[in-house]
């Protein structure tokens, strides 16, 4: 697969050292020393027509972005929304800004895929008419304007390598057809 990524948080240590420190306690260190990025993975024969990125939070301490790629007939938008305890409206507003950004990139008739770590449970999401159902937790792939398969959550064994677990979140996937 081809990874199209955008940096969200700067790296404080060389990548190998930052990765080693993070793996000591991923729940505690997370991306504090190894940086953070958003990525969209594409199959080997998928070539984006355009790439765009926009900051979607306003005045918050941690930069949040929405990255988009436009394919023939589709825009894929990826975001990592803020998580503020007791304030789901902050993440919800970022999701709506990300959707507006994706719509501004889309050509008429393009399907829109809005995906990522929304940091909101399904019942906390803003109203998004016409989109496929959300995921069961805080990671979602929402599709509008195309048929989407049922969302699948990766089991732990699928995301475990010799280096450890790939993420503190179980990745989710679906097929858009």
Protein backbone atom coordinates (compact mmCIF):
# COMPACT_ATOMS: atom_id res chain seq x y z
CA UNK A 1 0.00 0.00 0.00
CA UNK A 2 0.99 3.59 -0.48
CA UNK A 3 0.80 5.85 2.58
CA UNK A 4 -0.13 9.48 2.04
CA UNK A 5 0.55 11.21 5.33
CA UNK A 6 0.68 14.62 6.95
CA UNK A 7 2.50 15.47 10.17
CA UNK A 8 0.39 16.80 13.05
CA UNK A 9 2.91 16.84 15.89
CA UNK A 10 6.62 17.39 15.57
CA UNK A 11 9.14 14.68 16.44
CA UNK A 12 11.22 15.46 19.54
CA UNK A 13 13.70 12.58 19.24
CA UNK A 14 15.21 10.69 16.31
CA UNK A 15 12.51 8.24 15.08
CA UNK A 16 14.18 5.07 16.37
CA UNK A 17 14.79 6.54 19.83
CA UNK A 18 11.33 8.14 19.99
CA UNK A 19 9.74 4.84 18.96
CA UNK A 20 11.72 2.93 21.59
CA UNK A 21 10.74 5.39 24.34
CA UNK A 22 7.08 5.28 23.26
CA UNK A 23 7.02 1.46 23.30
CA UNK A 24 8.14 1.49 26.97
CA UNK A 25 4.61 2.57 27.85
CA UNK A 26 2.42 3.43 24.85
CA UNK A 27 -0.53 4.36 27.03
CA UNK A 28 1.55 7.00 28.84
CA UNK A 29 3.94 8.34 26.18
CA UNK A 30 1.70 7.86 23.11
CA UNK A 31 2.92 10.37 20.50
CA UNK A 32 4.56 12.84 22.90
CA UNK A 33 8.14 12.00 21.88
CA UNK A 34 7.71 10.19 18.57
CA UNK A 35 5.43 12.67 16.82
CA UNK A 36 2.04 12.14 15.29
CA UNK A 37 0.70 12.00 11.76
CA UNK A 38 -2.49 11.23 9.86
CA UNK A 39 -2.27 8.75 6.99
CA UNK A 40 -4.46 7.44 4.20
CA UNK A 41 -3.43 4.04 2.82
CA UNK A 42 -4.08 3.35 -0.85
CA UNK A 43 -3.87 0.13 -2.83
CA UNK A 44 -0.97 -0.13 -5.29
CA UNK A 45 -3.08 0.75 -8.35
CA UNK A 46 -4.90 3.71 -6.79
CA UNK A 47 -3.51 7.09 -7.84
CA UNK A 48 -4.87 10.28 -6.25
CA UNK A 49 -5.78 13.19 -8.52
CA UNK A 50 -5.24 15.77 -5.76
CA UNK A 51 -4.10 16.01 -2.12
CA UNK A 52 -5.10 18.72 0.34
CA UNK A 53 -4.73 19.44 4.06
CA UNK A 54 -6.39 21.91 6.41
CA UNK A 55 -6.17 22.59 10.14
CA UNK A 56 -9.62 21.94 11.63
CA UNK A 57 -9.23 23.07 15.22
CA UNK A 58 -9.12 26.62 16.36
CA UNK A 59 -6.85 27.77 19.17
CA UNK A 60 -6.51 24.33 20.75
CA UNK A 61 -3.20 23.14 22.24
CA UNK A 62 -2.81 20.20 19.89
CA UNK A 63 -2.99 20.73 16.12
CA UNK A 64 -5.75 18.74 14.42
CA UNK A 65 -5.89 18.40 10.66
CA UNK A 66 -8.06 16.95 7.96
CA UNK A 67 -6.22 15.54 4.98
CA UNK A 68 -8.06 14.77 1.77
CA UNK A 69 -7.30 12.97 -1.42
CA UNK A 70 -9.48 13.14 -4.48
CA UNK A 71 -9.83 10.08 -6.66
CA UNK A 72 -11.94 9.68 -9.77
CA UNK A 73 -15.49 10.04 -8.42
CA UNK A 74 -14.56 10.15 -4.73
CA UNK A 75 -12.99 12.27 -1.99
CA UNK A 76 -11.45 10.56 1.04
CA UNK A 77 -11.05 12.73 4.14
CA UNK A 78 -9.09 11.59 7.18
CA UNK A 79 -9.07 13.35 10.55
CA UNK A 80 -8.18 12.91 14.19
CA UNK A 81 -10.62 15.02 16.17
CA UNK A 82 -9.96 16.50 19.61
CA UNK A 83 -10.98 14.72 22.78
CA UNK A 84 -11.97 17.09 25.54
CA UNK A 85 -13.51 15.36 28.56
CA UNK A 86 -17.08 16.53 29.04
CA UNK A 87 -17.05 18.58 25.82
CA UNK A 88 -18.00 16.38 22.85
CA UNK A 89 -19.14 19.51 21.00
CA UNK A 90 -15.47 20.39 20.35
CA UNK A 91 -14.80 17.17 18.42
CA UNK A 92 -18.22 17.41 16.75
CA UNK A 93 -17.41 20.91 15.46
CA UNK A 94 -14.09 19.63 14.06
CA UNK A 95 -15.91 16.79 12.28
CA UNK A 96 -18.28 19.30 10.67
CA UNK A 97 -15.32 21.49 9.61
CA UNK A 98 -13.62 18.41 8.13
CA UNK A 99 -16.79 17.54 6.21
CA UNK A 100 -17.09 21.10 4.88
CA UNK A 101 -13.45 20.92 3.77
CA UNK A 102 -14.02 17.55 2.04
CA UNK A 103 -17.10 18.95 0.29
CA UNK A 104 -15.08 21.95 -0.92
CA UNK A 105 -12.53 19.58 -2.51
CA UNK A 106 -15.16 17.31 -4.09
CA UNK A 107 -16.35 17.67 -7.67
CA UNK A 108 -20.06 17.51 -8.38
CA UNK A 109 -21.32 13.95 -7.91
CA UNK A 110 -18.25 12.72 -5.99
CA UNK A 111 -18.83 10.27 -3.16
CA UNK A 112 -17.37 11.37 0.18
CA UNK A 113 -15.61 9.11 2.66
CA UNK A 114 -15.10 10.75 6.07
CA UNK A 115 -12.89 8.61 8.27
CA UNK A 116 -10.58 8.61 11.26
CA UNK A 117 -10.39 8.82 15.02
CA UNK A 118 -13.34 11.06 15.82
CA UNK A 119 -12.88 10.60 19.59
CA UNK A 120 -16.67 10.42 19.84
CA UNK A 121 -18.98 7.46 20.36
CA UNK A 122 -21.73 7.01 17.75
CA UNK A 123 -24.33 8.70 19.99
CA UNK A 124 -22.09 11.81 20.31
CA UNK A 125 -21.57 12.37 16.58
CA UNK A 126 -23.12 15.40 14.91
CA UNK A 127 -26.05 14.79 12.57
CA UNK A 128 -24.59 13.60 9.25
CA UNK A 129 -27.53 12.79 6.94
CA UNK A 130 -26.94 10.41 4.06
CA UNK A 131 -23.84 8.76 5.53
CA UNK A 132 -23.38 5.07 6.26
CA UNK A 133 -23.59 3.92 9.91
CA UNK A 134 -20.70 4.84 12.25
CA UNK A 135 -18.33 2.39 13.91
CA UNK A 136 -19.01 0.89 17.33
CA UNK A 137 -16.40 2.90 19.22
CA UNK A 138 -14.57 6.19 18.42
CA UNK A 139 -13.00 5.26 15.06
CA UNK A 140 -15.35 5.66 12.13
CA UNK A 141 -15.59 5.39 8.33
CA UNK A 142 -18.63 7.19 7.01
CA UNK A 143 -19.59 6.98 3.33
CA UNK A 144 -22.02 9.20 1.40
CA UNK A 145 -22.84 8.82 -2.27
CA UNK A 146 -21.56 5.25 -2.72
CA UNK A 147 -22.37 1.77 -1.48
CA UNK A 148 -20.28 0.74 1.54
CA UNK A 149 -19.80 -2.71 2.99
CA UNK A 150 -20.36 -3.32 6.67
CA UNK A 151 -17.61 -1.85 8.87
CA UNK A 152 -15.13 -4.42 10.16
CA UNK A 153 -13.01 -3.92 13.31
CA UNK A 154 -9.60 -5.60 13.18
CA UNK A 155 -9.07 -8.24 15.86
CA UNK A 156 -5.99 -7.89 18.07
CA UNK A 157 -4.07 -10.69 16.31
CA UNK A 158 -4.42 -8.90 12.95
CA UNK A 159 -2.75 -5.76 14.30
CA UNK A 160 0.04 -7.43 16.25
CA UNK A 161 3.57 -7.68 14.85
CA UNK A 162 6.91 -8.77 16.30
CA UNK A 163 7.32 -5.15 17.48
CA UNK A 164 4.03 -5.14 19.36
CA UNK A 165 0.52 -3.86 18.77
CA UNK A 166 0.30 -1.40 15.87
CA UNK A 167 -2.08 1.01 17.55
CA UNK A 168 -3.90 1.69 20.78
CA UNK A 169 -7.05 1.63 18.61
CA UNK A 170 -8.34 -1.34 16.68
CA UNK A 171 -8.30 -0.25 13.00
CA UNK A 172 -11.60 -0.31 11.15
CA UNK A 173 -12.15 -0.96 7.46
CA UNK A 174 -14.85 -1.24 4.86
CA UNK A 175 -15.11 -1.53 1.11
CA UNK A 176 -16.58 1.24 -1.02
CA UNK A 177 -18.06 0.10 -4.31
